[in-house]
Amino acid sequence: MPPGTNGYEPPFDISALYNPTLAREELAKSDYKGQPIEMLVHEQAASEPIGQLFQAQMKALGVNIQLTK
């Protein structure tokens, strides 16, 4: 929708949504010390591949995600 139209939302800066440096800084301030966090996945749709992607992204930040079926 063009500006001035009802419902127009200005574009947002996607880089503000993904900031691994800031994420690591915030994680360092928390009580998290690397303990595994269980994430349940199932065999329907794309649950497991999405879980694996999330697990890899969190590992890059230093978060230990354990996938469980």
N, C-alpha and C. Protein backbone atom coordinates (compact mmCIF):
# COMPACT_ATOMS: atom_id res chain seq x y z
N MET A 1 0.84 -1.17 0.00
CA MET A 1 0.00 0.00 0.00
C MET A 1 0.89 1.24 0.00
N PRO A 2 0.54 2.21 -0.77
CA PRO A 2 1.34 3.43 -0.80
C PRO A 2 1.11 4.29 0.44
N PRO A 3 2.09 5.12 0.79
CA PRO A 3 1.90 6.03 1.92
C PRO A 3 0.65 6.88 1.73
N GLY A 4 -0.04 7.16 2.82
CA GLY A 4 -1.25 7.95 2.77
C GLY A 4 -2.52 7.12 2.62
N THR A 5 -2.35 5.82 2.30
CA THR A 5 -3.48 4.92 2.17
C THR A 5 -3.81 4.34 3.54
N ASN A 6 -5.13 4.18 3.82
CA ASN A 6 -5.53 3.53 5.06
C ASN A 6 -4.87 2.17 5.17
N GLY A 7 -4.26 1.88 6.31
CA GLY A 7 -3.62 0.59 6.52
C GLY A 7 -2.14 0.58 6.15
N TYR A 8 -1.61 1.69 5.65
CA TYR A 8 -0.20 1.75 5.28
C TYR A 8 0.67 1.59 6.51
N GLU A 9 1.67 0.75 6.40
CA GLU A 9 2.67 0.57 7.44
C GLU A 9 4.03 0.83 6.80
N PRO A 10 4.80 1.74 7.35
CA PRO A 10 6.11 2.00 6.76
C PRO A 10 7.00 0.76 6.88
N PRO A 11 7.91 0.57 5.93
CA PRO A 11 8.80 -0.59 6.00
C PRO A 11 9.65 -0.53 7.27
N PHE A 12 9.99 -1.68 7.78
CA PHE A 12 10.83 -1.72 8.97
C PHE A 12 12.21 -2.26 8.59
N ASP A 13 13.16 -1.94 9.43
CA ASP A 13 14.54 -2.36 9.21
C ASP A 13 14.71 -3.78 9.74
N ILE A 14 14.83 -4.75 8.83
CA ILE A 14 14.93 -6.16 9.24
C ILE A 14 16.21 -6.42 10.03
N SER A 15 17.24 -5.62 9.84
CA SER A 15 18.48 -5.84 10.59
C SER A 15 18.26 -5.65 12.09
N ALA A 16 17.23 -4.89 12.46
CA ALA A 16 16.93 -4.71 13.88
C ALA A 16 16.34 -5.97 14.48
N LEU A 17 15.83 -6.87 13.65
CA LEU A 17 15.23 -8.11 14.14
C LEU A 17 16.27 -9.20 14.37
N TYR A 18 17.39 -9.14 13.65
CA TYR A 18 18.41 -10.18 13.77
C TYR A 18 19.73 -9.51 14.10
N ASN A 19 20.11 -9.57 15.36
CA ASN A 19 21.35 -8.96 15.81
C ASN A 19 22.04 -9.95 16.75
N PRO A 20 22.85 -10.89 16.20
CA PRO A 20 23.49 -11.90 17.03
C PRO A 20 24.39 -11.30 18.11
N THR A 21 25.04 -10.20 17.82
CA THR A 21 25.92 -9.58 18.81
C THR A 21 25.11 -9.13 20.03
N LEU A 22 24.01 -8.44 19.78
CA LEU A 22 23.15 -8.01 20.87
C LEU A 22 22.56 -9.21 21.61
N ALA A 23 22.19 -10.24 20.88
CA ALA A 23 21.64 -11.45 21.51
C ALA A 23 22.65 -12.08 22.46
N ARG A 24 23.91 -12.16 22.03
CA ARG A 24 24.95 -12.73 22.91
C ARG A 24 25.17 -11.86 24.15
N GLU A 25 25.13 -10.56 23.96
CA GLU A 25 25.28 -9.64 25.10
C GLU A 25 24.16 -9.83 26.11
N GLU A 26 22.93 -9.92 25.62
CA GLU A 26 21.79 -10.11 26.51
C GLU A 26 21.84 -11.48 27.19
N LEU A 27 22.28 -12.47 26.45
CA LEU A 27 22.40 -13.82 27.02
C LEU A 27 23.44 -13.83 28.14
N ALA A 28 24.52 -13.10 27.95
CA ALA A 28 25.57 -13.03 28.98
C ALA A 28 25.06 -12.40 30.27
N LYS A 29 24.06 -11.54 30.18
CA LYS A 29 23.47 -10.90 31.36
C LYS A 29 22.52 -11.83 32.11
N SER A 30 22.11 -12.91 31.45
CA SER A 30 21.10 -13.81 32.04
C SER A 30 21.77 -14.86 32.94
N ASP A 31 20.94 -15.68 33.55
CA ASP A 31 21.43 -16.77 34.39
C ASP A 31 21.73 -18.02 33.58
N TYR A 32 21.54 -17.97 32.28
CA TYR A 32 21.76 -19.15 31.43
C TYR A 32 23.24 -19.50 31.39
N LYS A 33 23.56 -20.76 31.68
CA LYS A 33 24.95 -21.21 31.72
C LYS A 33 25.20 -22.41 30.81
N GLY A 34 24.41 -22.53 29.76
CA GLY A 34 24.63 -23.60 28.79
C GLY A 34 23.83 -24.87 29.03
N GLN A 35 22.99 -24.87 30.03
CA GLN A 35 22.18 -26.06 30.29
C GLN A 35 21.25 -26.32 29.09
N PRO A 36 21.00 -27.59 28.77
CA PRO A 36 20.14 -27.90 27.62
C PRO A 36 18.70 -27.40 27.84
N ILE A 37 18.13 -26.91 26.76
CA ILE A 37 16.73 -26.51 26.74
C ILE A 37 16.02 -27.46 25.79
N GLU A 38 15.04 -28.18 26.31
CA GLU A 38 14.33 -29.17 25.51
C GLU A 38 13.30 -28.50 24.61
N MET A 39 13.31 -28.90 23.35
CA MET A 39 12.32 -28.42 22.38
C MET A 39 11.65 -29.64 21.76
N LEU A 40 10.35 -29.72 21.89
CA LEU A 40 9.62 -30.86 21.35
C LEU A 40 9.35 -30.66 19.86
N VAL A 41 9.62 -31.72 19.09
CA VAL A 41 9.30 -31.73 17.66
C VAL A 41 8.48 -32.98 17.39
N HIS A 42 7.77 -32.98 16.28
CA HIS A 42 6.99 -34.15 15.90
C HIS A 42 7.27 -34.48 14.45
N GLU A 43 6.64 -35.50 13.95
CA GLU A 43 6.93 -35.97 12.59
C GLU A 43 5.99 -35.39 11.54
N GLN A 44 5.06 -34.57 11.93
CA GLN A 44 4.13 -33.99 10.98
C GLN A 44 4.72 -32.71 10.40
N ALA A 45 4.33 -32.43 9.18
CA ALA A 45 4.76 -31.22 8.47
C ALA A 45 6.27 -31.08 8.52
N ALA A 46 6.75 -29.91 8.86
CA ALA A 46 8.19 -29.66 8.84
C ALA A 46 8.72 -29.37 10.25
N SER A 47 8.09 -29.96 11.24
CA SER A 47 8.47 -29.67 12.62
C SER A 47 9.94 -29.97 12.90
N GLU A 48 10.40 -31.14 12.51
CA GLU A 48 11.79 -31.51 12.82
C GLU A 48 12.80 -30.65 12.07
N PRO A 49 12.65 -30.44 10.75
CA PRO A 49 13.62 -29.56 10.07
C PRO A 49 13.62 -28.13 10.60
N ILE A 50 12.44 -27.62 10.97
CA ILE A 50 12.38 -26.28 11.55
C ILE A 50 13.09 -26.28 12.91
N GLY A 51 12.88 -27.33 13.67
CA GLY A 51 13.56 -27.46 14.97
C GLY A 51 15.07 -27.52 14.80
N GLN A 52 15.54 -28.23 13.78
CA GLN A 52 16.98 -28.32 13.53
C GLN A 52 17.56 -26.97 13.11
N LEU A 53 16.82 -26.23 12.32
CA LEU A 53 17.25 -24.89 11.92
C LEU A 53 17.35 -23.98 13.15
N PHE A 54 16.32 -24.01 13.98
CA PHE A 54 16.31 -23.20 15.20
C PHE A 54 17.46 -23.60 16.12
N GLN A 55 17.68 -24.92 16.23
CA GLN A 55 18.76 -25.44 17.07
C GLN A 55 20.12 -24.89 16.59
N ALA A 56 20.35 -24.89 15.29
CA ALA A 56 21.61 -24.39 14.73
C ALA A 56 21.76 -22.89 14.98
N GLN A 57 20.68 -22.15 14.83
CA GLN A 57 20.74 -20.70 15.07
C GLN A 57 21.05 -20.40 16.53
N MET A 58 20.44 -21.15 17.42
CA MET A 58 20.67 -20.93 18.85
C MET A 58 22.08 -21.38 19.26
N LYS A 59 22.58 -22.44 18.64
CA LYS A 59 23.94 -22.91 18.93
C LYS A 59 24.95 -21.82 18.59
N ALA A 60 24.71 -21.10 17.49
CA ALA A 60 25.61 -20.01 17.09
C ALA A 60 25.64 -18.90 18.14
N LEU A 61 24.60 -18.80 18.95
CA LEU A 61 24.54 -17.80 20.01
C LEU A 61 25.05 -18.34 21.34
N GLY A 62 25.25 -19.67 21.40
CA GLY A 62 25.69 -20.28 22.64
C GLY A 62 24.58 -20.90 23.46
N VAL A 63 23.43 -21.13 22.83
CA VAL A 63 22.29 -21.74 23.53
C VAL A 63 22.18 -23.19 23.10
N ASN A 64 22.08 -24.08 24.07
CA ASN A 64 22.05 -25.52 23.85
C ASN A 64 20.61 -26.01 23.77
N ILE A 65 20.13 -26.21 22.54
CA ILE A 65 18.76 -26.71 22.33
C ILE A 65 18.83 -28.21 22.09
N GLN A 66 18.03 -28.97 22.83
CA GLN A 66 17.94 -30.42 22.65
C GLN A 66 16.58 -30.75 22.06
N LEU A 67 16.58 -31.33 20.86
CA LEU A 67 15.32 -31.69 20.20
C LEU A 67 14.84 -33.05 20.70
N THR A 68 13.58 -33.14 21.00
CA THR A 68 12.98 -34.37 21.51
C THR A 68 11.70 -34.66 20.73
N LYS A 69 11.56 -35.94 20.29
CA LYS A 69 10.32 -36.35 19.62
C LYS A 69 9.37 -36.92 20.62
